[in-house]
C-alpha cells in the first residue's frame, strides 16, 4: 500500500481479505476522505474497517467513534420502527393513515394506507408552492401542510420517491400511535438497550465527533424533470435550510438526518437478516420482516430516474441490485453514498458510511465493490 494512503483500522475475518483489499482500493483510487464498512454474517460482526479523515482539512482522524450523517439510509430505520408497531398489533399496513391521523384525510387522501405512504405512493414527494426552507425544522408545521395537501398524482398508481417528506409521514404516524417521537423511541427501545450508536435527533454533546462532509463534485442526474421531481429535490425549499448545522443535527427528521456508525447499522440490519434476533432478543418477528420487505409497488419511479421495487419503507434489491445478487435483499441508500442492507436468504447484512459524497443516487460504486467482494468471498 503506498505510504501516502491512510492506515486501515479494524477487523476482517479470515477468508474476507478481498473486502479489505476493496476498501483499500477505494482510498487508492482517491475516492474516499473517511469511510467505514461493517459486515454481519448470521449475527456475527465479521468485518469492521475504517480509515481516513473526519474533516476536509485532514487534521482529524476518522476513528471508531466518528459519527457520520447517513441521510436517506435513515429511512430503513424508520421503516423498522413502524414495523415494530405493526408487530405489536398497534398499527396495520393496510390501515388508512387518516385513522390514526384524522387531519390527513384532507385533499382526497382519506383512503391512502400506511403502506402506500411508506412506499412513496401518496403523491406527497415535496411542496410545489414556495415555503421557507426553515419550515422543515417545525415538525407540526410540516405535518399540517402535508395533511392539507392534495396529492401530486393519483395515490396508489405509481411510486414517486419522497426524499424528505417520508420522514414526517412515517414519524407522525408513529407519534400518533405511540405518543413518543420516533427519535426518542429509537433511543429508548433500540439504541440504548442494544448499545447501538444510532441517532435520529443528535444531542449537542455528540456533535463534536461528527464527520464533516465533502459535498458531491456534480449534481445527480434525475433524468427528465417533472413536477414531482422538482418538488422533491430541485426547488430552493426542497430540503431543510437556513438554520445552521447544529440545528440540523439536533432535529428529528426520520427520512434524512440520522447519524450512525457502520457497525451500529450493520448490527441492526443483521437482526433483520437473521430472523429478527439481536443479542439474544427478538426486535422484529420473522413474519413482520417478510411483511415489511414484501413488494408493494414496482415500476418506473416518478421522481427517481430508475425502475424501483418498494417494500413498506425499504428499497428492494430486486430491481437494480445495488446490494449483491439476492432478490429478497432490502435496505436503503443515502445521499452521497451511504447504505445499509439485509439479506434474509443468506443471513448477510452490512453498512457503508463515508464523508466524501458522490453524485450517485443509488448503487455508489465504492459500496458496490465492498459488497460484491463480500459475496464473492463467502
Protein backbone atom coordinates (compact mmCIF):
# COMPACT_ATOMS: atom_id res chain seq x y z
CA UNK A 1 0.00 0.00 0.00
CA UNK A 2 1.53 3.40 -0.95
CA UNK A 3 2.74 5.38 2.03
CA UNK A 4 0.53 8.41 1.33
CA UNK A 5 -2.62 6.32 1.79
CA UNK A 6 -4.27 6.17 5.23
CA UNK A 7 -3.77 3.24 7.57
CA UNK A 8 -6.70 0.79 7.59
CA UNK A 9 -8.03 0.06 11.09
CA UNK A 10 -10.41 -2.55 12.45
CA UNK A 11 -11.03 -6.24 11.88
CA UNK A 12 -11.59 -8.56 8.95
CA UNK A 13 -12.32 -12.26 9.46
CA UNK A 14 -10.22 -14.88 7.70
CA UNK A 15 -11.42 -15.50 4.17
CA UNK A 16 -12.76 -11.97 3.78
CA UNK A 17 -9.42 -10.38 2.84
CA UNK A 18 -10.85 -9.34 -0.59
CA UNK A 19 -13.19 -6.97 1.28
CA UNK A 20 -10.23 -5.29 2.96
CA UNK A 21 -8.48 -5.09 -0.42
CA UNK A 22 -11.55 -3.42 -1.95
CA UNK A 23 -11.70 -0.97 0.98
CA UNK A 24 -8.02 -0.08 0.45
CA UNK A 25 -8.63 0.24 -3.27
CA UNK A 26 -11.36 2.85 -2.74
CA UNK A 27 -8.79 5.02 -0.97
CA UNK A 28 -6.09 4.25 -3.57
CA UNK A 29 -8.47 5.50 -6.27
CA UNK A 30 -8.76 8.82 -4.43
CA UNK A 31 -12.48 8.26 -3.92
CA UNK A 32 -12.53 8.49 -0.11
CA UNK A 33 -11.84 11.06 2.59
CA UNK A 34 -13.00 8.98 5.56
CA UNK A 35 -15.08 5.80 5.44
CA UNK A 36 -16.20 2.73 7.37
CA UNK A 37 -17.64 -0.59 6.24
CA UNK A 38 -19.14 -3.25 8.51
CA UNK A 39 -20.46 -6.69 7.65
CA UNK A 40 -22.54 -9.05 9.79
CA UNK A 41 -22.84 -12.73 8.84
CA UNK A 42 -25.56 -14.71 10.65
CA UNK A 43 -25.48 -12.30 13.58
CA UNK A 44 -21.68 -12.09 13.89
CA UNK A 45 -19.70 -8.95 13.04
CA UNK A 46 -17.10 -10.32 10.62
CA UNK A 47 -15.82 -7.10 9.02
CA UNK A 48 -15.41 -3.66 10.58
CA UNK A 49 -12.92 -1.46 8.72
CA UNK A 50 -12.34 2.28 8.91
CA UNK A 51 -9.75 4.75 7.65
CA UNK A 52 -9.09 8.30 6.60
CA UNK A 53 -10.08 11.68 7.99
CA UNK A 54 -13.22 13.02 9.60
CA UNK A 55 -12.66 16.57 8.33
CA UNK A 56 -11.97 18.21 4.99
CA UNK A 57 -8.73 19.75 6.29
CA UNK A 58 -7.48 16.21 7.05
CA UNK A 59 -6.47 17.11 10.60
CA UNK A 60 -8.88 14.78 12.46
CA UNK A 61 -8.69 11.01 12.15
CA UNK A 62 -11.82 9.11 11.16
CA UNK A 63 -11.90 6.70 14.11
CA UNK A 64 -14.12 4.12 15.80
CA UNK A 65 -16.20 6.86 17.48
CA UNK A 66 -16.75 9.01 14.38
CA UNK A 67 -20.43 9.57 13.64
CA UNK A 68 -21.50 10.05 10.03
CA UNK A 69 -24.68 11.65 8.68
CA UNK A 70 -26.45 8.90 6.72
CA UNK A 71 -29.22 10.95 5.03
CA UNK A 72 -31.83 8.63 3.43
CA UNK A 73 -30.30 5.47 4.86
CA UNK A 74 -32.24 6.71 7.92
CA UNK A 75 -35.43 5.58 6.11
CA UNK A 76 -34.58 1.91 6.74
CA UNK A 77 -34.52 2.64 10.49
CA UNK A 78 -37.86 4.47 10.26
CA UNK A 79 -39.34 1.50 8.37
CA UNK A 80 -38.21 -0.82 11.18
CA UNK A 81 -39.77 1.42 13.84
CA UNK A 82 -43.13 1.38 12.01
CA UNK A 83 -42.83 -2.40 11.51
CA UNK A 84 -42.46 -2.83 15.27
CA UNK A 85 -45.81 -1.08 15.81
CA UNK A 86 -47.39 -3.45 13.28
CA UNK A 87 -45.73 -6.42 15.03
CA UNK A 88 -47.24 -5.26 18.33
CA UNK A 89 -50.72 -5.09 16.80
CA UNK A 90 -50.94 -1.33 17.33
CA UNK A 91 -50.97 -0.43 13.61
CA UNK A 92 -51.74 -2.21 10.32
CA UNK A 93 -50.05 -1.63 6.99
CA UNK A 94 -53.40 -1.69 5.14
CA UNK A 95 -54.94 0.79 7.58
CA UNK A 96 -55.79 4.27 6.23
CA UNK A 97 -53.34 6.86 7.59
CA UNK A 98 -56.35 9.05 8.46
CA UNK A 99 -57.49 6.51 11.08
CA UNK A 100 -54.51 7.42 13.26
CA UNK A 101 -54.01 10.96 11.87
CA UNK A 102 -57.51 12.31 11.09
CA UNK A 103 -56.31 15.63 9.58
CA UNK A 104 -54.52 13.64 6.87
CA UNK A 105 -57.87 12.88 5.16
CA UNK A 106 -57.90 16.38 3.61
CA UNK A 107 -57.29 16.87 -0.11
CA UNK A 108 -58.70 13.49 -1.12
CA UNK A 109 -56.19 11.49 0.96
CA UNK A 110 -58.72 9.65 3.16
CA UNK A 111 -58.03 6.24 1.54
CA UNK A 112 -54.21 6.39 1.49
CA UNK A 113 -52.91 3.49 3.57
CA UNK A 114 -49.87 3.31 5.83
CA UNK A 115 -48.08 1.01 3.37
CA UNK A 116 -48.82 3.35 0.45
CA UNK A 117 -47.38 6.29 2.41
CA UNK A 118 -44.28 4.26 3.28
CA UNK A 119 -43.79 3.01 -0.31
CA UNK A 120 -43.81 6.52 -1.81
CA UNK A 121 -47.25 6.17 -3.41
CA UNK A 122 -49.02 9.00 -1.54
CA UNK A 123 -48.21 11.73 -4.09
CA UNK A 124 -46.56 13.97 -1.48
CA UNK A 125 -42.96 14.00 -2.75
CA UNK A 126 -42.49 17.67 -1.85
CA UNK A 127 -44.15 21.08 -1.79
CA UNK A 128 -44.98 22.70 -5.12
CA UNK A 129 -45.74 26.11 -3.64
CA UNK A 130 -42.90 28.07 -2.07
CA UNK A 131 -42.19 27.66 1.65
CA UNK A 132 -39.33 28.87 3.79
CA UNK A 133 -36.58 26.18 3.90
CA UNK A 134 -36.62 26.67 7.69
CA UNK A 135 -40.18 25.24 7.79
CA UNK A 136 -38.63 21.75 7.87
CA UNK A 137 -37.48 22.47 11.44
CA UNK A 138 -41.14 22.98 12.51
CA UNK A 139 -42.48 19.42 12.86
CA UNK A 140 -46.12 20.41 13.44
CA UNK A 141 -45.96 22.97 10.64
CA UNK A 142 -44.70 20.45 8.08
CA UNK A 143 -47.23 17.81 9.18
CA UNK A 144 -50.10 20.31 8.95
CA UNK A 145 -49.00 21.27 5.44
CA UNK A 146 -48.75 17.62 4.35
CA UNK A 147 -52.16 16.87 5.89
CA UNK A 148 -53.76 19.74 3.93
CA UNK A 149 -52.01 18.98 0.64
CA UNK A 150 -53.62 17.36 -2.39
CA UNK A 151 -51.54 14.54 -3.95
CA UNK A 152 -49.36 15.37 -6.97
CA UNK A 153 -50.52 12.15 -8.71
CA UNK A 154 -53.31 9.65 -8.03
CA UNK A 155 -52.22 7.75 -4.89
CA UNK A 156 -51.52 4.08 -5.43
CA UNK A 157 -50.92 4.39 -9.18
CA UNK A 158 -47.14 4.88 -9.07
CA UNK A 159 -44.25 5.42 -6.70
CA UNK A 160 -42.54 8.79 -6.59
CA UNK A 161 -39.70 8.98 -4.09
CA UNK A 162 -40.40 11.23 -1.09
CA UNK A 163 -36.83 12.23 -0.06
CA UNK A 164 -37.72 14.42 2.93
CA UNK A 165 -41.50 14.21 3.41
CA UNK A 166 -41.29 10.43 4.04
CA UNK A 167 -39.78 11.14 7.46
CA UNK A 168 -42.67 13.36 8.53
CA UNK A 169 -45.27 10.90 7.23
CA UNK A 170 -43.65 7.92 8.98
CA UNK A 171 -42.73 9.95 12.04
CA UNK A 172 -46.19 11.45 12.54
CA UNK A 173 -47.89 8.06 12.05
CA UNK A 174 -45.51 6.72 14.71
CA UNK A 175 -46.15 9.62 17.11
CA UNK A 176 -49.93 9.37 16.74
CA UNK A 177 -49.85 5.67 17.68
CA UNK A 178 -47.06 5.59 20.27
CA UNK A 179 -47.08 9.09 21.76
CA UNK A 180 -43.29 9.45 21.51
CA UNK A 181 -41.30 10.90 18.64
CA UNK A 182 -39.60 8.27 16.52
CA UNK A 183 -36.15 9.53 17.54
CA UNK A 184 -36.99 9.20 21.23
CA UNK A 185 -38.43 5.70 20.74
CA UNK A 186 -35.37 4.63 18.73
CA UNK A 187 -33.09 5.76 21.53
CA UNK A 188 -35.16 4.22 24.34
CA UNK A 189 -36.20 0.94 22.71
CA UNK A 190 -33.30 0.05 20.39
CA UNK A 191 -30.16 2.20 20.55
CA UNK A 192 -29.60 2.30 24.31
CA UNK A 193 -30.66 -1.29 25.19
CA UNK A 194 -28.51 -2.80 22.44
CA UNK A 195 -25.64 -0.29 22.61
CA UNK A 196 -26.12 0.90 19.02
CA UNK A 197 -24.52 4.23 18.11
CA UNK A 198 -27.60 5.25 16.14
CA UNK A 199 -29.47 8.55 16.35
CA UNK A 200 -32.41 10.42 14.83
CA UNK A 201 -32.00 13.76 16.55
CA UNK A 202 -28.43 14.16 17.80
CA UNK A 203 -27.82 15.72 21.26
CA UNK A 204 -25.36 18.60 21.36
CA UNK A 205 -22.91 16.54 23.44
CA UNK A 206 -22.37 14.21 20.43
CA UNK A 207 -21.82 16.87 17.75
CA UNK A 208 -18.07 17.04 18.30
CA UNK A 209 -17.49 13.54 16.92
CA UNK A 210 -19.43 14.05 13.67
CA UNK A 211 -17.61 13.80 10.37
CA UNK A 212 -17.53 16.87 8.12
CA UNK A 213 -18.97 16.27 4.68
CA UNK A 214 -17.22 16.91 1.40
CA UNK A 215 -20.07 17.68 -0.99
CA UNK A 216 -20.53 15.83 -4.31
CA UNK A 217 -18.48 17.09 -7.27
CA UNK A 218 -21.56 17.24 -9.50
CA UNK A 219 -25.35 17.36 -9.30
CA UNK A 220 -27.14 14.00 -9.50
CA UNK A 221 -28.78 13.08 -12.81
CA UNK A 222 -32.54 13.00 -12.24
CA UNK A 223 -33.38 12.27 -15.87
CA UNK A 224 -36.44 14.03 -17.24
CA UNK A 225 -37.63 16.65 -14.76
CA UNK A 226 -41.33 16.66 -13.85
CA UNK A 227 -43.42 18.35 -11.14
CA UNK A 228 -42.96 15.58 -8.50
CA UNK A 229 -39.16 15.52 -9.07
CA UNK A 230 -38.92 19.30 -8.91
CA UNK A 231 -40.91 19.42 -5.67
CA UNK A 232 -38.85 16.58 -4.19
CA UNK A 233 -35.35 17.78 -5.00
CA UNK A 234 -35.00 20.89 -7.13
CA UNK A 235 -36.89 23.76 -5.50
CA UNK A 236 -35.00 26.13 -3.17
CA UNK A 237 -37.25 24.85 -0.35
CA UNK A 238 -36.99 21.13 -1.19
CA UNK A 239 -34.72 20.42 1.78
CA UNK A 240 -34.15 21.94 5.22
CA UNK A 241 -32.12 25.15 5.30
CA UNK A 242 -31.49 28.44 6.96
CA UNK A 243 -30.83 27.20 10.48
CA UNK A 244 -27.21 26.04 10.56
CA UNK A 245 -25.53 22.69 11.06
CA UNK A 246 -26.11 22.34 14.82
CA UNK A 247 -29.87 22.72 14.49
CA UNK A 248 -29.86 20.29 11.56
CA UNK A 249 -28.11 17.65 13.67
CA UNK A 250 -30.44 18.32 16.62
CA UNK A 251 -33.67 17.99 14.61
CA UNK A 252 -35.53 14.67 14.28
CA UNK A 253 -36.10 14.05 10.56
CA UNK A 254 -36.52 10.27 10.16
CA UNK A 255 -36.04 10.46 6.39
CA UNK A 256 -32.88 12.46 6.18
CA UNK A 257 -30.73 13.25 9.20
CA UNK A 258 -29.87 10.07 11.03
CA UNK A 259 -26.34 9.81 12.41
CA UNK A 260 -24.68 6.44 12.89
CA UNK A 261 -21.58 4.30 12.84
CA UNK A 262 -21.34 1.49 10.30
CA UNK A 263 -21.28 -1.35 12.89
CA UNK A 264 -24.42 0.02 14.59
CA UNK A 265 -26.26 0.00 11.26
CA UNK A 266 -24.84 -3.39 10.27
CA UNK A 267 -25.87 -5.00 13.57
CA UNK A 268 -29.40 -3.59 13.24
CA UNK A 269 -29.70 -4.85 9.65
CA UNK A 270 -28.04 -8.09 10.74
CA UNK A 271 -31.01 -8.72 13.02
CA UNK A 272 -33.36 -8.28 10.04
CA UNK A 273 -31.24 -10.76 8.06
CA UNK A 274 -31.35 -13.35 10.87
CA UNK A 275 -34.98 -13.77 11.89
CA UNK A 276 -35.15 -10.59 13.96
CA UNK A 277 -32.67 -11.60 16.67
CA UNK A 278 -30.29 -9.01 18.12
CA UNK A 279 -28.09 -10.00 21.08
CA UNK A 280 -30.47 -12.81 22.05
CA UNK A 281 -33.64 -10.72 21.86
CA UNK A 282 -36.15 -10.58 19.03
CA UNK A 283 -36.63 -6.98 17.84
CA UNK A 284 -38.97 -7.92 14.97
CA UNK A 285 -40.74 -11.20 14.21
CA UNK A 286 -39.77 -13.15 11.07
CA UNK A 287 -43.32 -12.68 9.77
CA UNK A 288 -43.03 -8.90 10.05
CA UNK A 289 -39.58 -8.84 8.44
CA UNK A 290 -41.13 -10.64 5.46
CA UNK A 291 -44.16 -8.33 5.50
CA UNK A 292 -42.09 -5.11 5.75
CA UNK A 293 -39.83 -6.14 2.87
CA UNK A 294 -42.59 -7.54 0.63
CA UNK A 295 -43.02 -5.66 -2.65
CA UNK A 296 -45.76 -3.02 -2.53
CA UNK A 297 -45.13 -1.43 -5.92
CA UNK A 298 -42.62 -1.80 -8.74
CA UNK A 299 -42.01 0.15 -11.91
CA UNK A 300 -40.66 3.43 -13.19
CA UNK A 301 -40.47 5.84 -10.26
CA UNK A 302 -41.90 9.31 -10.92
CA UNK A 303 -39.12 11.09 -9.01
CA UNK A 304 -36.02 8.90 -9.33
CA UNK A 305 -34.79 8.01 -12.84
CA UNK A 306 -34.99 4.29 -12.05
CA UNK A 307 -37.33 1.33 -12.14
CA UNK A 308 -37.81 0.74 -8.42
CA UNK A 309 -39.20 -2.01 -6.21
CA UNK A 310 -40.50 -0.72 -2.87
CA UNK A 311 -41.40 -2.52 0.34
CA UNK A 312 -43.06 -0.79 3.31
CA UNK A 313 -40.39 1.89 3.67
CA UNK A 314 -37.42 -0.06 2.31
CA UNK A 315 -35.82 -0.31 -1.11
CA UNK A 316 -35.88 -3.83 -2.51
CA UNK A 317 -32.81 -5.18 -4.25
CA UNK A 318 -34.85 -6.91 -6.97
CA UNK A 319 -34.95 -4.01 -9.44
CA UNK A 320 -31.38 -2.67 -9.50
CA UNK A 321 -29.30 -5.00 -7.26
CA UNK A 322 -27.17 -2.35 -5.53
CA UNK A 323 -26.50 -4.81 -2.66
CA UNK A 324 -25.33 -8.11 -4.10
CA UNK A 325 -27.25 -10.77 -6.03
CA UNK A 326 -30.22 -11.50 -3.76
CA UNK A 327 -33.71 -10.58 -4.98
CA UNK A 328 -35.08 -10.56 -1.42
CA UNK A 329 -32.33 -8.31 -0.06
CA UNK A 330 -33.63 -4.94 1.17
CA UNK A 331 -32.31 -1.78 2.77
CA UNK A 332 -31.76 1.84 1.83
CA UNK A 333 -29.18 4.17 0.34
CA UNK A 334 -28.49 7.75 1.36
CA UNK A 335 -27.44 10.94 -0.41
CA UNK A 336 -23.74 10.85 -1.19
CA UNK A 337 -23.22 7.11 -0.93
CA UNK A 338 -24.12 5.60 2.45
CA UNK A 339 -26.16 2.40 2.55
CA UNK A 340 -27.40 -0.39 4.80
CA UNK A 341 -28.82 -3.72 3.67
CA UNK A 342 -30.14 -7.07 4.94
CA UNK A 343 -30.20 -10.36 3.01
CA UNK A 344 -32.55 -12.83 4.76
CA UNK A 345 -31.65 -15.60 2.29
CA UNK A 346 -28.00 -15.73 3.41
CA UNK A 347 -28.05 -14.01 6.81
CA UNK A 348 -25.68 -11.35 5.48
CA UNK A 349 -26.07 -7.65 6.29
CA UNK A 350 -23.84 -4.64 6.03
CA UNK A 351 -23.44 -0.90 6.16
CA UNK A 352 -21.19 1.62 4.46
CA UNK A 353 -20.73 5.20 5.65
CA UNK A 354 -18.41 7.90 4.37
CA UNK A 355 -17.93 11.67 4.38
CA UNK A 356 -16.79 12.23 0.77
CA UNK A 357 -20.08 12.32 -1.08
CA UNK A 358 -20.58 11.15 -4.66
CA UNK A 359 -23.26 12.17 -7.15
CA UNK A 360 -24.68 8.62 -7.46
CA UNK A 361 -28.33 8.46 -6.41
CA UNK A 362 -28.21 4.70 -5.84
CA UNK A 363 -25.57 1.97 -6.06
CA UNK A 364 -22.47 4.01 -5.25
CA UNK A 365 -19.52 2.13 -6.84
CA UNK A 366 -17.47 2.28 -3.61
CA UNK A 367 -20.09 0.37 -1.62
CA UNK A 368 -20.84 -1.96 -4.52
CA UNK A 369 -17.17 -3.05 -4.70
CA UNK A 370 -17.17 -3.85 -0.98
CA UNK A 371 -20.47 -5.75 -1.07
CA UNK A 372 -19.55 -7.68 -4.22
CA UNK A 373 -16.19 -8.63 -2.70
CA UNK A 374 -18.01 -9.93 0.39
CA UNK A 375 -20.44 -12.06 -1.61
CA UNK A 376 -17.64 -13.42 -3.80
CA UNK A 377 -15.58 -14.35 -0.72
CA UNK A 378 -18.48 -16.04 1.08
